[in-house]
Amino acid sequence: MSFPLLLSLLALIVSVVCLTLLIVLFKRYNTQLETNASQNQVQIELSKKVNNLTEEVHEIRSGNYGVINRFKELVQQVDNLQTSQQSLAENLVEQDPQSRFYSKGAKLISQGASLEDVMRECDMPAAEAELLFSLHNNQK
């Protein structure tokens, strides 16, 4: 074999190997491009979902603020009503001297006083003290 033929054969082999490598690299590049494109599409979809969820959370928070404010108003109204009820109850007790004995008896019962203690402290008959005990026990 002559040297120029051998050199041409070697150049042909190198060219075929280089062309094969070039084709393999080109296929890998195309595969990578397709993968990147699909990942970009998924990322765009996820970004849209995140934006939608962010808007929903914002709407929920806005609604919660309104509910919280309304709840605070209602709590304030209940507190005002309880204060009014207590002052009315105190006024009624002050207006009716007999009811002071019953209020005092109920207070003693809630503190754990016995029937005899209530009768003695409130100057009330046994039947009234027993009735007060049964009424107080029903409220518990």
Protein backbone atom coordinates (compact mmCIF):
# COMPACT_ATOMS: atom_id res chain seq x y z
CA MET A 1 0.00 0.00 0.00
CA SER A 2 1.18 3.39 -0.78
CA PHE A 3 1.55 6.13 1.70
CA PRO A 4 -0.94 8.55 0.05
CA LEU A 5 -3.58 5.81 -0.01
CA LEU A 6 -2.94 5.00 3.62
CA LEU A 7 -3.18 8.67 4.47
CA SER A 8 -6.46 9.01 2.55
CA LEU A 9 -7.87 5.95 4.31
CA LEU A 10 -6.88 7.35 7.68
CA ALA A 11 -8.47 10.72 6.80
CA LEU A 12 -11.65 8.90 5.75
CA ILE A 13 -11.80 6.96 9.05
CA VAL A 14 -11.22 10.13 11.07
CA SER A 15 -13.92 11.91 9.04
CA VAL A 16 -16.42 9.07 9.63
CA VAL A 17 -15.66 9.03 13.37
CA CYS A 18 -15.99 12.83 13.56
CA LEU A 19 -19.24 12.73 11.59
CA THR A 20 -20.61 9.99 13.89
CA LEU A 21 -19.66 12.02 16.97
CA LEU A 22 -21.23 15.09 15.42
CA ILE A 23 -24.50 13.22 14.78
CA VAL A 24 -24.55 11.85 18.37
CA LEU A 25 -23.90 15.31 19.79
CA PHE A 26 -26.59 16.82 17.59
CA LYS A 27 -29.15 14.21 18.79
CA ARG A 28 -28.22 14.89 22.42
CA TYR A 29 -28.55 18.61 21.82
CA ASN A 30 -32.03 18.16 20.29
CA THR A 31 -33.08 15.93 23.18
CA GLN A 32 -31.84 18.52 25.66
CA LEU A 33 -33.70 21.30 23.82
CA GLU A 34 -36.94 19.29 23.94
CA THR A 35 -36.44 18.62 27.66
CA ASN A 36 -35.81 22.30 28.32
CA ALA A 37 -38.87 23.30 26.33
CA SER A 38 -41.11 20.91 28.28
CA GLN A 39 -39.62 22.10 31.58
CA ASN A 40 -40.25 25.71 30.59
CA GLN A 41 -43.86 24.85 29.78
CA VAL A 42 -44.28 23.15 33.17
CA GLN A 43 -42.67 26.14 34.87
CA ILE A 44 -45.06 28.53 33.11
CA GLU A 45 -48.06 26.45 34.19
CA LEU A 46 -46.80 26.28 37.78
CA SER A 47 -46.22 30.03 37.77
CA LYS A 48 -49.83 30.59 36.67
CA LYS A 49 -51.09 28.27 39.42
CA VAL A 50 -48.98 30.10 42.02
CA ASN A 51 -50.41 33.44 40.87
CA ASN A 52 -53.97 32.08 41.07
CA LEU A 53 -53.36 30.68 44.54
CA THR A 54 -51.81 33.96 45.65
CA GLU A 55 -54.92 35.81 44.49
CA GLU A 56 -57.16 33.31 46.31
CA VAL A 57 -55.16 33.70 49.53
CA HIS A 58 -55.43 37.47 49.22
CA GLU A 59 -59.21 37.20 48.77
CA ILE A 60 -59.48 34.87 51.76
CA ARG A 61 -57.40 37.22 53.91
CA SER A 62 -59.55 40.16 52.90
CA GLY A 63 -62.67 38.19 53.81
CA ASN A 64 -61.13 37.13 57.12
CA TYR A 65 -60.36 40.73 58.03
CA GLY A 66 -64.01 41.58 57.53
CA VAL A 67 -65.12 38.61 59.61
CA ILE A 68 -62.61 39.45 62.35
CA ASN A 69 -63.77 43.06 62.49
CA ARG A 70 -67.41 41.96 62.66
CA PHE A 71 -66.53 39.44 65.37
CA LYS A 72 -64.80 42.16 67.40
CA GLU A 73 -67.88 44.36 67.07
CA LEU A 74 -70.10 41.51 68.26
CA VAL A 75 -67.81 40.78 71.21
CA GLN A 76 -67.96 44.46 72.17
CA GLN A 77 -71.75 44.41 71.92
CA VAL A 78 -71.92 41.30 74.11
CA ASP A 79 -69.62 42.93 76.66
CA ASN A 80 -71.81 46.04 76.67
CA LEU A 81 -74.94 43.93 77.09
CA GLN A 82 -73.38 41.99 79.97
CA THR A 83 -72.39 45.22 81.67
CA SER A 84 -75.91 46.59 81.20
CA GLN A 85 -77.42 43.36 82.50
CA GLN A 86 -75.21 43.43 85.59
CA SER A 87 -76.07 47.04 86.33
CA LEU A 88 -79.79 46.31 85.86
CA ALA A 89 -79.53 43.32 88.18
CA GLU A 90 -77.76 45.45 90.79
CA ASN A 91 -80.44 48.14 90.47
CA LEU A 92 -83.19 45.57 90.93
CA VAL A 93 -81.47 44.19 94.02
CA GLU A 94 -81.13 47.68 95.45
CA GLN A 95 -84.78 48.47 94.75
CA ASP A 96 -86.15 45.32 96.40
CA PRO A 97 -84.77 44.84 99.93
CA GLN A 98 -86.10 41.26 100.11
CA SER A 99 -84.17 40.29 96.99
CA ARG A 100 -80.92 41.29 98.70
CA PHE A 101 -81.37 38.36 101.03
CA TYR A 102 -81.89 35.99 98.11
CA SER A 103 -78.87 37.38 96.28
CA LYS A 104 -76.78 37.06 99.40
CA GLY A 105 -78.05 33.50 99.86
CA ALA A 106 -77.21 32.58 96.26
CA LYS A 107 -73.75 34.04 96.72
CA LEU A 108 -73.24 32.04 99.92
CA ILE A 109 -74.41 28.86 98.18
CA SER A 110 -72.00 29.44 95.30
CA GLN A 111 -69.22 29.83 97.89
CA GLY A 112 -70.15 26.45 99.38
CA ALA A 113 -72.15 27.50 102.45
CA SER A 114 -74.43 24.98 104.14
CA LEU A 115 -78.24 25.24 104.47
CA GLU A 116 -77.95 26.33 108.12
CA ASP A 117 -75.40 29.05 107.21
CA VAL A 118 -77.72 30.48 104.56
CA MET A 119 -80.70 30.40 106.99
CA ARG A 120 -78.69 32.14 109.70
CA GLU A 121 -76.93 34.77 107.54
CA CYS A 122 -79.98 35.71 105.46
CA ASP A 123 -82.56 35.32 108.21
CA MET A 124 -84.74 33.11 106.03
CA PRO A 125 -86.89 30.10 106.83
CA ALA A 126 -85.72 26.58 105.99
CA ALA A 127 -88.21 26.18 103.11
CA GLU A 128 -86.95 29.31 101.35
CA ALA A 129 -83.32 28.31 101.88
CA GLU A 130 -84.02 24.83 100.49
CA LEU A 131 -85.76 26.35 97.47
CA LEU A 132 -82.76 28.64 96.92
CA PHE A 133 -80.43 25.62 97.15
CA SER A 134 -82.47 23.63 94.63
CA LEU A 135 -82.66 26.62 92.23
CA HIS A 136 -78.93 27.21 92.50
CA ASN A 137 -78.11 23.52 91.95
CA ASN A 138 -80.35 23.45 88.82
CA GLN A 139 -78.40 26.37 87.34
CA LYS A 140 -75.14 24.45 87.59
